[in-house]
Amino acid sequence: MYKNSKWAEELISLQREDGSWGNFHTASSSSKPPLTTESALRRLKILGYTIDDAPIQKAVEYMLACMKGQAAIPDRREKTHNWNIFTEMMLATRIREFTC
């Protein structure tokens, strides 16, 4: 795998203290590079990261806190009538990818 690659190191260096990479789903044009938590997790998974790795554990803890209402994703509400359900489904999907 590519866990020790410069790409992995760069992604991990961008992880925030709370376990996120900023917005969860909605890319921000002001972010350089425009990286979301969702895309960072997808890339780390491709590079071979699992729940046994600290950055993934930290991200899963953050997502669980969001689902419990102890934290919130910073994304702007998208134009959908069921944004809250959509958000919960996104979080649950990413958690499940690493915990099952």
Foldseek 3Di string as FASTA:
>chain_A
DQCPPPVNVVLLVQQDPQLWNAAAPDFDPPDVVRDGRPRSLVVVVVNPDACVDPSLVSNLVSLVCCLVVNDHGPDDQDPDPPSVVVSNVSSVVSNVVRPD
